[in-house]
Amino acid sequence: MDVDDEAECRKTLECTTPSCRNEGGRFGIDEYMKAIGEKEEVSALAAQLQAPDTFSLTHDLPNEAVLLTDQTTVTLSNIEISVKLFFVLLEKTRVTAGERFSITKHARNEDCIREHSMARNRPLWLERYEAVSSLALENIERMHPDSIGCVLERVAIHNAGLINILPKLGIHEDYEVEWVWLDANKKEHVGGMLKQGQTFFVGRVKRR
């Protein structure tokens, strides 16, 4: 970032409300500089780490930092993780779904990784309105059908290859799904299912 860009950012982030002016109008600037500082710290830490070829994600995380990259194969077995964490791993690493693996609704201020025996099975919203990475599509293609346990509440996927993940979900049959919205305008968005002739179960439909 050059001097002119930083000056413009400071001007944009200047808070002009009465309460902010009483405190010097620096809230936005302080938060911005804090975020920049944290990003630089993470970059410096990542430069010191060597990414492992394989990593088994468990509830008991290692004490030291671990760098996961698109060259790291992450095995997910005997755990339940939040859907938010799952999509991060799906987009950024090479994911392998093992036995007793499930995803659940993301909840703030709660652990996003739990042992399978402590699974919450909270109904989740499976939503995507933009394209997924090519690595995510490769991960989905490698997964076995019904290998991701979950309870669906709503499904909304618009013009994204994520539709191909539906046959990979092992959805609990005892729950009702509120609504399903699938929209694809390209063959590759559903290419995985068409190629293998796969069908999928989303749960019982809730009657209104």
N, C-alpha and C. Protein backbone atom coordinates (compact mmCIF):
# COMPACT_ATOMS: atom_id res chain seq x y z
N MET A 1 0.85 -1.19 0.00
CA MET A 1 0.00 0.00 0.00
C MET A 1 0.89 1.24 0.00
N ASP A 2 0.67 2.20 -0.92
CA ASP A 2 1.48 3.40 -0.93
C ASP A 2 0.87 4.48 -0.04
N VAL A 3 1.57 5.61 0.07
CA VAL A 3 1.16 6.67 1.00
C VAL A 3 -0.21 7.23 0.63
N ASP A 4 -0.44 7.45 -0.67
CA ASP A 4 -1.71 8.03 -1.11
C ASP A 4 -2.87 7.11 -0.77
N ASP A 5 -2.69 5.78 -1.00
CA ASP A 5 -3.75 4.82 -0.70
C ASP A 5 -4.06 4.82 0.79
N GLU A 6 -3.03 4.83 1.62
CA GLU A 6 -3.25 4.80 3.07
C GLU A 6 -3.96 6.06 3.54
N ALA A 7 -3.58 7.21 2.97
CA ALA A 7 -4.23 8.47 3.34
C ALA A 7 -5.71 8.44 2.96
N GLU A 8 -6.01 7.87 1.80
CA GLU A 8 -7.40 7.78 1.35
C GLU A 8 -8.20 6.87 2.25
N CYS A 9 -7.58 5.75 2.67
CA CYS A 9 -8.25 4.82 3.58
C CYS A 9 -8.57 5.52 4.90
N ARG A 10 -7.61 6.28 5.41
CA ARG A 10 -7.82 6.99 6.67
C ARG A 10 -8.98 7.98 6.55
N LYS A 11 -9.04 8.67 5.39
CA LYS A 11 -10.10 9.64 5.17
C LYS A 11 -11.46 8.94 5.13
N THR A 12 -11.52 7.79 4.46
CA THR A 12 -12.77 7.04 4.32
C THR A 12 -13.23 6.49 5.66
N LEU A 13 -12.28 6.06 6.50
CA LEU A 13 -12.61 5.42 7.76
C LEU A 13 -12.83 6.40 8.90
N GLU A 14 -12.64 7.68 8.65
CA GLU A 14 -12.83 8.69 9.71
C GLU A 14 -14.30 8.73 10.10
N CYS A 15 -14.56 8.55 11.38
CA CYS A 15 -15.94 8.54 11.89
C CYS A 15 -16.37 9.97 12.23
N THR A 16 -17.53 10.40 11.73
CA THR A 16 -17.94 11.80 11.89
C THR A 16 -19.19 11.97 12.75
N THR A 17 -19.70 10.90 13.36
CA THR A 17 -20.86 11.04 14.23
C THR A 17 -20.45 11.78 15.50
N PRO A 18 -21.40 12.43 16.21
CA PRO A 18 -21.04 13.18 17.43
C PRO A 18 -20.30 12.35 18.46
N SER A 19 -20.77 11.11 18.69
CA SER A 19 -20.12 10.27 19.70
C SER A 19 -18.70 9.93 19.28
N CYS A 20 -18.49 9.69 17.98
CA CYS A 20 -17.14 9.37 17.50
C CYS A 20 -16.23 10.59 17.60
N ARG A 21 -16.77 11.77 17.26
CA ARG A 21 -15.94 12.97 17.31
C ARG A 21 -15.46 13.25 18.73
N ASN A 22 -16.31 12.91 19.72
CA ASN A 22 -15.92 13.11 21.12
C ASN A 22 -14.72 12.25 21.49
N GLU A 23 -14.57 11.12 20.78
CA GLU A 23 -13.46 10.22 21.05
C GLU A 23 -12.35 10.36 20.02
N GLY A 24 -12.40 11.42 19.26
CA GLY A 24 -11.33 11.67 18.30
C GLY A 24 -11.60 11.12 16.92
N GLY A 25 -12.75 10.43 16.72
CA GLY A 25 -13.12 9.93 15.40
C GLY A 25 -12.20 8.87 14.84
N ARG A 26 -11.56 8.08 15.71
CA ARG A 26 -10.54 7.16 15.24
C ARG A 26 -10.97 5.69 15.28
N PHE A 27 -12.23 5.41 15.61
CA PHE A 27 -12.61 4.01 15.76
C PHE A 27 -12.35 3.20 14.50
N GLY A 28 -12.83 3.70 13.35
CA GLY A 28 -12.64 2.98 12.09
C GLY A 28 -11.17 2.81 11.75
N ILE A 29 -10.39 3.87 11.96
CA ILE A 29 -8.95 3.81 11.66
C ILE A 29 -8.26 2.80 12.56
N ASP A 30 -8.59 2.84 13.86
CA ASP A 30 -7.96 1.91 14.80
C ASP A 30 -8.27 0.47 14.45
N GLU A 31 -9.53 0.19 14.08
CA GLU A 31 -9.91 -1.18 13.71
C GLU A 31 -9.20 -1.61 12.44
N TYR A 32 -9.07 -0.68 11.49
CA TYR A 32 -8.38 -0.98 10.23
C TYR A 32 -6.91 -1.31 10.48
N MET A 33 -6.24 -0.48 11.28
CA MET A 33 -4.83 -0.71 11.56
C MET A 33 -4.63 -1.99 12.35
N LYS A 34 -5.58 -2.30 13.23
CA LYS A 34 -5.51 -3.55 13.99
C LYS A 34 -5.59 -4.74 13.05
N ALA A 35 -6.53 -4.68 12.08
CA ALA A 35 -6.68 -5.78 11.13
C ALA A 35 -5.44 -5.95 10.28
N ILE A 36 -4.86 -4.83 9.82
CA ILE A 36 -3.64 -4.89 9.02
C ILE A 36 -2.50 -5.51 9.83
N GLY A 37 -2.40 -5.11 11.10
CA GLY A 37 -1.34 -5.66 11.95
C GLY A 37 -1.50 -7.15 12.16
N GLU A 38 -2.75 -7.62 12.37
CA GLU A 38 -2.99 -9.05 12.56
C GLU A 38 -2.65 -9.82 11.29
N LYS A 39 -2.97 -9.24 10.14
CA LYS A 39 -2.68 -9.91 8.87
C LYS A 39 -1.18 -10.06 8.68
N GLU A 40 -0.43 -9.02 9.03
CA GLU A 40 1.02 -9.08 8.90
C GLU A 40 1.62 -10.11 9.85
N GLU A 41 1.05 -10.23 11.06
CA GLU A 41 1.52 -11.21 12.02
C GLU A 41 1.29 -12.63 11.50
N VAL A 42 0.11 -12.87 10.92
CA VAL A 42 -0.20 -14.19 10.37
C VAL A 42 0.73 -14.52 9.21
N SER A 43 0.98 -13.54 8.34
CA SER A 43 1.88 -13.76 7.20
C SER A 43 3.29 -14.10 7.67
N ALA A 44 3.75 -13.40 8.71
CA ALA A 44 5.08 -13.66 9.24
C ALA A 44 5.16 -15.06 9.85
N LEU A 45 4.10 -15.47 10.55
CA LEU A 45 4.07 -16.80 11.16
C LEU A 45 4.05 -17.88 10.09
N ALA A 46 3.23 -17.68 9.04
CA ALA A 46 3.12 -18.67 7.97
C ALA A 46 4.46 -18.88 7.27
N ALA A 47 5.24 -17.81 7.15
CA ALA A 47 6.54 -17.91 6.48
C ALA A 47 7.51 -18.79 7.26
N GLN A 48 7.27 -18.96 8.56
CA GLN A 48 8.17 -19.76 9.39
C GLN A 48 7.75 -21.23 9.46
N LEU A 49 6.54 -21.54 8.99
CA LEU A 49 6.01 -22.89 9.12
C LEU A 49 6.18 -23.68 7.83
N GLN A 50 6.26 -24.99 7.99
CA GLN A 50 6.30 -25.89 6.84
C GLN A 50 5.02 -26.72 6.84
N ALA A 51 4.29 -26.66 5.75
CA ALA A 51 3.01 -27.36 5.68
C ALA A 51 3.22 -28.87 5.61
N PRO A 52 2.48 -29.65 6.41
CA PRO A 52 2.59 -31.11 6.33
C PRO A 52 1.90 -31.63 5.08
N ASP A 53 2.31 -32.81 4.63
CA ASP A 53 1.64 -33.43 3.48
C ASP A 53 0.25 -33.92 3.87
N THR A 54 0.12 -34.42 5.11
CA THR A 54 -1.16 -34.93 5.59
C THR A 54 -1.44 -34.37 6.98
N PHE A 55 -2.71 -34.26 7.31
CA PHE A 55 -3.11 -33.78 8.63
C PHE A 55 -4.45 -34.38 8.98
N SER A 56 -4.54 -35.01 10.15
CA SER A 56 -5.80 -35.59 10.62
C SER A 56 -6.44 -34.63 11.62
N LEU A 57 -7.57 -34.08 11.26
CA LEU A 57 -8.24 -33.10 12.11
C LEU A 57 -8.99 -33.82 13.23
N THR A 58 -8.70 -33.46 14.47
CA THR A 58 -9.37 -34.04 15.63
C THR A 58 -9.81 -32.93 16.56
N HIS A 59 -10.61 -33.31 17.56
CA HIS A 59 -11.05 -32.33 18.55
C HIS A 59 -9.88 -31.79 19.37
N ASP A 60 -8.90 -32.64 19.63
CA ASP A 60 -7.72 -32.23 20.38
C ASP A 60 -6.68 -31.68 19.42
N LEU A 61 -6.72 -30.40 19.19
CA LEU A 61 -5.80 -29.77 18.25
C LEU A 61 -4.40 -29.67 18.86
N PRO A 62 -3.37 -29.72 18.03
CA PRO A 62 -2.00 -29.58 18.55
C PRO A 62 -1.79 -28.20 19.15
N ASN A 63 -0.87 -28.12 20.10
CA ASN A 63 -0.58 -26.84 20.76
C ASN A 63 0.11 -25.86 19.83
N GLU A 64 0.95 -26.39 18.95
CA GLU A 64 1.67 -25.52 18.03
C GLU A 64 0.84 -25.23 16.78
N ALA A 65 1.17 -24.13 16.13
CA ALA A 65 0.47 -23.75 14.90
C ALA A 65 0.80 -24.73 13.78
N VAL A 66 -0.19 -25.00 12.93
CA VAL A 66 -0.02 -25.90 11.79
C VAL A 66 -0.47 -25.16 10.53
N LEU A 67 0.36 -25.16 9.52
CA LEU A 67 0.04 -24.50 8.25
C LEU A 67 -0.57 -25.51 7.29
N LEU A 68 -1.82 -25.28 6.90
CA LEU A 68 -2.50 -26.14 5.94
C LEU A 68 -2.61 -25.40 4.61
N THR A 69 -2.24 -26.06 3.53
CA THR A 69 -2.27 -25.45 2.20
C THR A 69 -3.05 -26.32 1.23
N ASP A 70 -3.08 -25.89 -0.03
CA ASP A 70 -3.77 -26.68 -1.05
C ASP A 70 -3.01 -27.95 -1.40
N GLN A 71 -1.85 -28.15 -0.79
CA GLN A 71 -1.09 -29.38 -0.99
C GLN A 71 -1.22 -30.33 0.21
N THR A 72 -1.96 -29.92 1.22
CA THR A 72 -2.14 -30.73 2.43
C THR A 72 -3.42 -31.54 2.33
N THR A 73 -3.31 -32.85 2.55
CA THR A 73 -4.48 -33.72 2.59
C THR A 73 -4.99 -33.77 4.02
N VAL A 74 -6.19 -33.25 4.24
CA VAL A 74 -6.79 -33.20 5.57
C VAL A 74 -7.83 -34.31 5.69
N THR A 75 -7.63 -35.22 6.64
CA THR A 75 -8.56 -36.33 6.86
C THR A 75 -9.56 -35.96 7.94
N LEU A 76 -10.83 -36.16 7.64
CA LEU A 76 -11.92 -35.85 8.56
C LEU A 76 -12.60 -37.15 8.95
N SER A 77 -12.32 -37.63 10.15
CA SER A 77 -12.89 -38.90 10.63
C SER A 77 -13.25 -38.78 12.10
N ASN A 78 -14.37 -39.40 12.46
CA ASN A 78 -14.80 -39.48 13.86
C ASN A 78 -14.98 -38.10 14.50
N ILE A 79 -15.38 -37.11 13.71
CA ILE A 79 -15.62 -35.77 14.24
C ILE A 79 -16.84 -35.14 13.58
N GLU A 80 -17.35 -34.12 14.25
CA GLU A 80 -18.37 -33.25 13.69
C GLU A 80 -17.79 -31.84 13.68
N ILE A 81 -17.88 -31.16 12.54
CA ILE A 81 -17.36 -29.79 12.44
C ILE A 81 -18.47 -28.88 11.92
N SER A 82 -18.30 -27.59 12.15
CA SER A 82 -19.30 -26.64 11.67
C SER A 82 -19.24 -26.55 10.15
N VAL A 83 -20.37 -26.23 9.55
CA VAL A 83 -20.43 -26.13 8.10
C VAL A 83 -19.51 -25.02 7.60
N LYS A 84 -19.31 -23.99 8.41
CA LYS A 84 -18.42 -22.89 8.03
C LYS A 84 -16.98 -23.37 7.93
N LEU A 85 -16.52 -24.13 8.92
CA LEU A 85 -15.16 -24.67 8.89
C LEU A 85 -15.02 -25.66 7.74
N PHE A 86 -16.05 -26.45 7.49
CA PHE A 86 -16.00 -27.44 6.41
C PHE A 86 -15.75 -26.77 5.07
N PHE A 87 -16.43 -25.66 4.80
CA PHE A 87 -16.25 -25.00 3.51
C PHE A 87 -14.88 -24.35 3.38
N VAL A 88 -14.31 -23.89 4.49
CA VAL A 88 -12.95 -23.35 4.45
C VAL A 88 -11.98 -24.45 4.05
N LEU A 89 -12.09 -25.61 4.69
CA LEU A 89 -11.21 -26.73 4.36
C LEU A 89 -11.45 -27.21 2.94
N LEU A 90 -12.71 -27.25 2.52
CA LEU A 90 -13.05 -27.72 1.18
C LEU A 90 -12.43 -26.85 0.11
N GLU A 91 -12.38 -25.54 0.35
CA GLU A 91 -11.86 -24.59 -0.63
C GLU A 91 -10.34 -24.48 -0.60
N LYS A 92 -9.71 -24.73 0.56
CA LYS A 92 -8.29 -24.42 0.74
C LYS A 92 -7.38 -25.62 0.85
N THR A 93 -7.91 -26.82 1.11
CA THR A 93 -7.06 -28.00 1.30
C THR A 93 -7.62 -29.18 0.51
N ARG A 94 -6.89 -30.29 0.56
CA ARG A 94 -7.36 -31.53 -0.07
C ARG A 94 -8.06 -32.36 1.00
N VAL A 95 -9.37 -32.45 0.91
CA VAL A 95 -10.17 -33.05 1.96
C VAL A 95 -10.49 -34.52 1.66
N THR A 96 -10.34 -35.36 2.68
CA THR A 96 -10.76 -36.75 2.61
C THR A 96 -11.76 -37.00 3.72
N ALA A 97 -12.98 -37.41 3.36
CA ALA A 97 -14.02 -37.69 4.35
C ALA A 97 -13.95 -39.16 4.74
N GLY A 98 -13.63 -39.41 6.01
CA GLY A 98 -13.52 -40.78 6.51
C GLY A 98 -14.79 -41.24 7.19
N GLU A 99 -14.67 -42.21 8.09
CA GLU A 99 -15.82 -42.76 8.79
C GLU A 99 -16.30 -41.82 9.90
N ARG A 100 -17.60 -41.87 10.15
CA ARG A 100 -18.22 -41.11 11.24
C ARG A 100 -17.84 -39.63 11.18
N PHE A 101 -18.06 -39.05 10.02
CA PHE A 101 -17.81 -37.62 9.84
C PHE A 101 -19.13 -36.91 9.54
N SER A 102 -19.34 -35.77 10.17
CA SER A 102 -20.58 -35.02 9.94
C SER A 102 -20.33 -33.52 10.06
N ILE A 103 -21.25 -32.74 9.50
CA ILE A 103 -21.19 -31.28 9.61
C ILE A 103 -22.47 -30.80 10.29
N THR A 104 -22.37 -29.64 10.93
CA THR A 104 -23.52 -29.11 11.67
C THR A 104 -23.58 -27.60 11.52
N LYS A 105 -24.64 -27.01 11.99
CA LYS A 105 -24.81 -25.56 11.93
C LYS A 105 -23.69 -24.85 12.69
N HIS A 106 -23.19 -23.76 12.11
CA HIS A 106 -22.15 -22.99 12.77
C HIS A 106 -22.77 -22.14 13.88
N ALA A 107 -22.19 -22.22 15.06
CA ALA A 107 -22.69 -21.44 16.20
C ALA A 107 -21.55 -20.61 16.77
N ARG A 108 -21.76 -19.33 16.89
CA ARG A 108 -20.73 -18.44 17.44
C ARG A 108 -20.50 -18.77 18.91
N ASN A 109 -19.26 -18.59 19.34
CA ASN A 109 -18.87 -18.80 20.74
C ASN A 109 -18.98 -20.26 21.17
N GLU A 110 -18.97 -21.18 20.21
CA GLU A 110 -18.95 -22.60 20.53
C GLU A 110 -17.86 -23.27 19.72
N ASP A 111 -17.38 -24.41 20.21
CA ASP A 111 -16.37 -25.15 19.48
C ASP A 111 -16.91 -25.56 18.12
N CYS A 112 -16.10 -25.38 17.09
CA CYS A 112 -16.53 -25.78 15.74
C CYS A 112 -16.05 -27.19 15.40
N ILE A 113 -15.38 -27.85 16.36
CA ILE A 113 -14.94 -29.23 16.19
C ILE A 113 -15.34 -30.03 17.41
N ARG A 114 -16.03 -31.13 17.21
CA ARG A 114 -16.42 -32.00 18.32
C ARG A 114 -16.18 -33.46 17.93
N GLU A 115 -15.96 -34.28 18.95
CA GLU A 115 -15.87 -35.70 18.70
C GLU A 115 -17.22 -36.20 18.21
N HIS A 116 -17.19 -37.24 17.39
CA HIS A 116 -18.43 -37.76 16.82
C HIS A 116 -19.42 -38.17 17.91
N SER A 117 -18.92 -38.70 19.01
CA SER A 117 -19.80 -39.15 20.10
C SER A 117 -20.50 -37.98 20.78
N MET A 118 -20.00 -36.75 20.59
CA MET A 118 -20.59 -35.56 21.19
C MET A 118 -21.31 -34.70 20.15
N ALA A 119 -21.60 -35.27 19.00
CA ALA A 119 -22.20 -34.52 17.90
C ALA A 119 -23.54 -33.90 18.30
N ARG A 120 -23.80 -32.69 17.81
CA ARG A 120 -25.03 -31.97 18.13
C ARG A 120 -26.12 -32.18 17.07
N ASN A 121 -25.70 -32.47 15.84
CA ASN A 121 -26.66 -32.71 14.75
C ASN A 121 -27.65 -31.56 14.59
N ARG A 122 -27.15 -30.34 14.65
CA ARG A 122 -28.04 -29.20 14.48
C ARG A 122 -28.38 -29.00 13.01
N PRO A 123 -29.66 -28.80 12.69
CA PRO A 123 -30.04 -28.55 11.30
C PRO A 123 -29.30 -27.33 10.75
N LEU A 124 -28.81 -27.45 9.53
CA LEU A 124 -28.01 -26.37 8.94
C LEU A 124 -28.62 -25.88 7.64
N TRP A 125 -28.19 -24.70 7.26
CA TRP A 125 -28.56 -24.13 5.96
C TRP A 125 -27.39 -24.36 5.02
N LEU A 126 -27.63 -25.05 3.92
CA LEU A 126 -26.61 -25.27 2.90
C LEU A 126 -26.85 -24.25 1.80
N GLU A 127 -26.03 -23.19 1.79
CA GLU A 127 -26.26 -22.09 0.87
C GLU A 127 -24.99 -21.75 0.10
N ARG A 128 -25.17 -21.43 -1.17
CA ARG A 128 -24.04 -20.96 -1.99
C ARG A 128 -24.59 -20.18 -3.17
N TYR A 129 -24.09 -18.97 -3.36
CA TYR A 129 -24.56 -18.12 -4.44
C TYR A 129 -23.42 -17.68 -5.36
N GLU A 130 -22.28 -18.33 -5.23
CA GLU A 130 -21.14 -18.00 -6.07
C GLU A 130 -20.36 -19.28 -6.36
N ALA A 131 -19.47 -19.18 -7.32
CA ALA A 131 -18.70 -20.36 -7.74
C ALA A 131 -17.78 -20.83 -6.62
N VAL A 132 -17.55 -22.13 -6.59
CA VAL A 132 -16.58 -22.70 -5.66
C VAL A 132 -15.26 -22.89 -6.40
N SER A 133 -14.18 -23.05 -5.66
CA SER A 133 -12.87 -23.20 -6.27
C SER A 133 -12.75 -24.54 -6.98
N SER A 134 -11.81 -24.63 -7.90
CA SER A 134 -11.57 -25.89 -8.61
C SER A 134 -11.13 -26.98 -7.63
N LEU A 135 -10.40 -26.59 -6.59
CA LEU A 135 -9.97 -27.56 -5.58
C LEU A 135 -11.17 -28.12 -4.83
N ALA A 136 -12.15 -27.28 -4.53
CA ALA A 136 -13.36 -27.74 -3.86
C ALA A 136 -14.10 -28.75 -4.73
N LEU A 137 -14.18 -28.49 -6.03
CA LEU A 137 -14.85 -29.43 -6.94
C LEU A 137 -14.12 -30.76 -7.00
N GLU A 138 -12.78 -30.72 -6.98
CA GLU A 138 -12.00 -31.96 -6.96
C GLU A 138 -12.26 -32.74 -5.68
N ASN A 139 -12.32 -32.04 -4.56
CA ASN A 139 -12.60 -32.69 -3.28
C ASN A 139 -13.96 -33.37 -3.30
N ILE A 140 -14.96 -32.67 -3.81
CA ILE A 140 -16.32 -33.21 -3.86
C ILE A 140 -16.36 -34.46 -4.74
N GLU A 141 -15.69 -34.41 -5.87
CA GLU A 141 -15.70 -35.54 -6.80
C GLU A 141 -15.10 -36.79 -6.18
N ARG A 142 -14.09 -36.63 -5.32
CA ARG A 142 -13.43 -37.78 -4.71
C ARG A 142 -14.23 -38.42 -3.58
N MET A 143 -15.16 -37.69 -3.03
CA MET A 143 -15.89 -38.19 -1.87
C MET A 143 -16.88 -39.29 -2.25
N HIS A 144 -17.08 -40.21 -1.32
CA HIS A 144 -18.04 -41.30 -1.53
C HIS A 144 -19.45 -40.80 -1.23
N PRO A 145 -20.46 -41.39 -1.88
CA PRO A 145 -21.84 -41.02 -1.57
C PRO A 145 -22.15 -41.26 -0.09
N ASP A 146 -22.97 -40.40 0.48
CA ASP A 146 -23.43 -40.52 1.87
C ASP A 146 -22.28 -40.50 2.88
N SER A 147 -21.18 -39.84 2.55
CA SER A 147 -20.02 -39.85 3.45
C SER A 147 -19.99 -38.67 4.42
N ILE A 148 -20.93 -37.71 4.25
CA ILE A 148 -20.96 -36.52 5.11
C ILE A 148 -22.30 -36.49 5.84
N GLY A 149 -22.31 -36.85 7.10
CA GLY A 149 -23.54 -36.84 7.86
C GLY A 149 -24.01 -35.42 8.14
N CYS A 150 -25.31 -35.19 8.08
CA CYS A 150 -25.84 -33.85 8.37
C CYS A 150 -27.36 -33.89 8.49
N VAL A 151 -27.90 -32.80 9.01
CA VAL A 151 -29.34 -32.57 9.04
C VAL A 151 -29.59 -31.27 8.30
N LEU A 152 -30.36 -31.32 7.24
CA LEU A 152 -30.63 -30.12 6.44
C LEU A 152 -31.91 -29.44 6.88
N GLU A 153 -31.84 -28.12 6.99
CA GLU A 153 -33.03 -27.32 7.25
C GLU A 153 -33.45 -26.59 5.97
N ARG A 154 -32.46 -26.00 5.29
CA ARG A 154 -32.73 -25.32 4.03
C ARG A 154 -31.57 -25.56 3.07
N VAL A 155 -31.89 -25.62 1.78
CA VAL A 155 -30.87 -25.75 0.74
C VAL A 155 -31.13 -24.67 -0.30
N ALA A 156 -30.11 -23.86 -0.57
CA ALA A 156 -30.22 -22.81 -1.59
C ALA A 156 -28.88 -22.71 -2.31
N ILE A 157 -28.81 -23.27 -3.50
CA ILE A 157 -27.57 -23.25 -4.28
C ILE A 157 -27.88 -22.65 -5.64
N HIS A 158 -27.22 -21.54 -5.96
CA HIS A 158 -27.50 -20.80 -7.19
C HIS A 158 -26.25 -20.77 -8.07
N ASN A 159 -26.34 -21.40 -9.24
CA ASN A 159 -25.26 -21.37 -10.23
C ASN A 159 -23.89 -21.67 -9.63
N ALA A 160 -23.79 -22.76 -8.91
CA ALA A 160 -22.52 -23.14 -8.29
C ALA A 160 -22.34 -24.64 -8.36
N GLY A 161 -21.11 -25.07 -8.60
CA GLY A 161 -20.82 -26.49 -8.68
C GLY A 161 -21.05 -27.23 -7.38
N LEU A 162 -21.39 -26.48 -6.31
CA LEU A 162 -21.63 -27.12 -5.03
C LEU A 162 -22.82 -28.07 -5.08
N ILE A 163 -23.68 -27.93 -6.08
CA ILE A 163 -24.80 -28.86 -6.24
C ILE A 163 -24.31 -30.30 -6.26
N ASN A 164 -23.11 -30.51 -6.78
CA ASN A 164 -22.57 -31.87 -6.88
C ASN A 164 -22.28 -32.51 -5.53
N ILE A 165 -22.34 -31.74 -4.45
CA ILE A 165 -22.07 -32.31 -3.14
C ILE A 165 -23.29 -33.03 -2.57
N LEU A 166 -24.47 -32.77 -3.11
CA LEU A 166 -25.70 -33.32 -2.53
C LEU A 166 -25.69 -34.84 -2.42
N PRO A 167 -25.26 -35.60 -3.44
CA PRO A 167 -25.23 -37.06 -3.28
C PRO A 167 -24.21 -37.53 -2.24
N LYS A 168 -23.28 -36.67 -1.85
CA LYS A 168 -22.26 -37.05 -0.88
C LYS A 168 -22.76 -36.90 0.56
N LEU A 169 -23.93 -36.29 0.73
CA LEU A 169 -24.47 -36.05 2.06
C LEU A 169 -25.27 -37.25 2.55
N GLY A 170 -24.95 -37.69 3.76
CA GLY A 170 -25.75 -38.73 4.41
C GLY A 170 -26.75 -38.05 5.33
N ILE A 171 -27.90 -37.72 4.80
CA ILE A 171 -28.85 -36.86 5.50
C ILE A 171 -29.77 -37.68 6.40
N HIS A 172 -29.96 -37.23 7.63
CA HIS A 172 -30.84 -37.93 8.57
C HIS A 172 -32.27 -37.93 8.03
N GLU A 173 -32.88 -39.09 8.04
CA GLU A 173 -34.21 -39.23 7.45
C GLU A 173 -35.33 -38.79 8.40
N ASP A 174 -35.02 -38.61 9.68
CA ASP A 174 -36.07 -38.30 10.65
C ASP A 174 -36.40 -36.82 10.74
N TYR A 175 -35.72 -36.00 9.95
CA TYR A 175 -35.94 -34.56 10.02
C TYR A 175 -36.62 -34.06 8.75
N GLU A 176 -37.28 -32.90 8.88
CA GLU A 176 -37.95 -32.29 7.75
C GLU A 176 -37.13 -31.12 7.22
N VAL A 177 -37.05 -31.00 5.91
CA VAL A 177 -36.38 -29.86 5.29
C VAL A 177 -37.45 -28.83 4.92
N GLU A 178 -37.17 -27.55 5.24
CA GLU A 178 -38.16 -26.51 5.01
C GLU A 178 -38.33 -26.20 3.53
N TRP A 179 -37.21 -26.00 2.83
CA TRP A 179 -37.31 -25.77 1.40
C TRP A 179 -35.98 -26.04 0.71
N VAL A 180 -36.09 -26.35 -0.59
CA VAL A 180 -34.92 -26.66 -1.41
C VAL A 180 -34.98 -25.80 -2.67
N TRP A 181 -33.91 -25.08 -2.94
CA TRP A 181 -33.83 -24.24 -4.15
C TRP A 181 -32.50 -24.53 -4.84
N LEU A 182 -32.58 -25.14 -6.01
CA LEU A 182 -31.39 -25.46 -6.80
C LEU A 182 -31.53 -24.79 -8.16
N ASP A 183 -30.49 -24.05 -8.55
CA ASP A 183 -30.53 -23.31 -9.80
C ASP A 183 -29.18 -23.48 -10.50
N ALA A 184 -29.19 -24.04 -11.69
CA ALA A 184 -27.94 -24.25 -12.44
C ALA A 184 -28.16 -23.86 -13.89
N ASN A 185 -27.26 -23.03 -14.43
CA ASN A 185 -27.38 -22.65 -15.84
C ASN A 185 -26.20 -23.16 -16.67
N LYS A 186 -25.35 -23.97 -16.05
CA LYS A 186 -24.23 -24.58 -16.76
C LYS A 186 -24.19 -26.08 -16.45
N LYS A 187 -23.85 -26.86 -17.46
CA LYS A 187 -23.84 -28.31 -17.29
C LYS A 187 -22.86 -28.74 -16.21
N GLU A 188 -21.72 -28.01 -16.10
CA GLU A 188 -20.72 -28.42 -15.11
C GLU A 188 -21.21 -28.25 -13.68
N HIS A 189 -22.24 -27.43 -13.49
CA HIS A 189 -22.78 -27.26 -12.14
C HIS A 189 -23.40 -28.55 -11.62
N VAL A 190 -23.85 -29.40 -12.52
CA VAL A 190 -24.44 -30.68 -12.11
C VAL A 190 -23.74 -31.84 -12.80
N GLY A 191 -22.56 -31.56 -13.38
CA GLY A 191 -21.86 -32.57 -14.16
C GLY A 191 -21.53 -33.82 -13.38
N GLY A 192 -21.15 -33.67 -12.11
CA GLY A 192 -20.80 -34.83 -11.30
C GLY A 192 -21.96 -35.78 -11.13
N MET A 193 -23.15 -35.26 -10.90
CA MET A 193 -24.33 -36.11 -10.72
C MET A 193 -24.76 -36.72 -12.04
N LEU A 194 -24.71 -35.95 -13.12
CA LEU A 194 -25.13 -36.47 -14.42
C LEU A 194 -24.20 -37.58 -14.89
N LYS A 195 -22.90 -37.41 -14.65
CA LYS A 195 -21.93 -38.39 -15.10
C LYS A 195 -22.11 -39.73 -14.41
N GLN A 196 -22.45 -39.70 -13.13
CA GLN A 196 -22.57 -40.93 -12.36
C GLN A 196 -24.01 -41.37 -12.17
N GLY A 197 -24.94 -40.59 -12.71
CA GLY A 197 -26.35 -40.94 -12.59
C GLY A 197 -26.80 -41.02 -11.14
N GLN A 198 -26.31 -40.12 -10.31
CA GLN A 198 -26.57 -40.19 -8.88
C GLN A 198 -27.89 -39.54 -8.51
N THR A 199 -28.53 -40.09 -7.49
CA THR A 199 -29.70 -39.48 -6.88
C THR A 199 -29.34 -39.11 -5.45
N PHE A 200 -30.16 -38.28 -4.83
CA PHE A 200 -29.86 -37.89 -3.46
C PHE A 200 -31.14 -37.67 -2.67
N PHE A 201 -31.03 -37.83 -1.37
CA PHE A 201 -32.15 -37.69 -0.45
C PHE A 201 -31.92 -36.45 0.40
N VAL A 202 -32.91 -35.57 0.51
CA VAL A 202 -32.73 -34.34 1.29
C VAL A 202 -33.55 -34.34 2.58
N GLY A 203 -34.34 -35.37 2.82
CA GLY A 203 -35.17 -35.41 4.01
C GLY A 203 -36.63 -35.28 3.65
N ARG A 204 -37.48 -35.40 4.64
CA ARG A 204 -38.91 -35.24 4.42
C ARG A 204 -39.24 -33.77 4.25
N VAL A 205 -40.12 -33.47 3.31
CA VAL A 205 -40.49 -32.08 3.03
C VAL A 205 -41.53 -31.62 4.03
N LYS A 206 -41.28 -30.44 4.62
CA LYS A 206 -42.21 -29.90 5.61
C LYS A 206 -43.46 -29.40 4.90
N ARG A 207 -44.62 -29.82 5.38
CA ARG A 207 -45.90 -29.39 4.80
C ARG A 207 -46.35 -28.10 5.48
N ARG A 208 -46.87 -27.19 4.69
CA ARG A 208 -47.34 -25.92 5.23
C ARG A 208 -48.87 -25.89 5.26
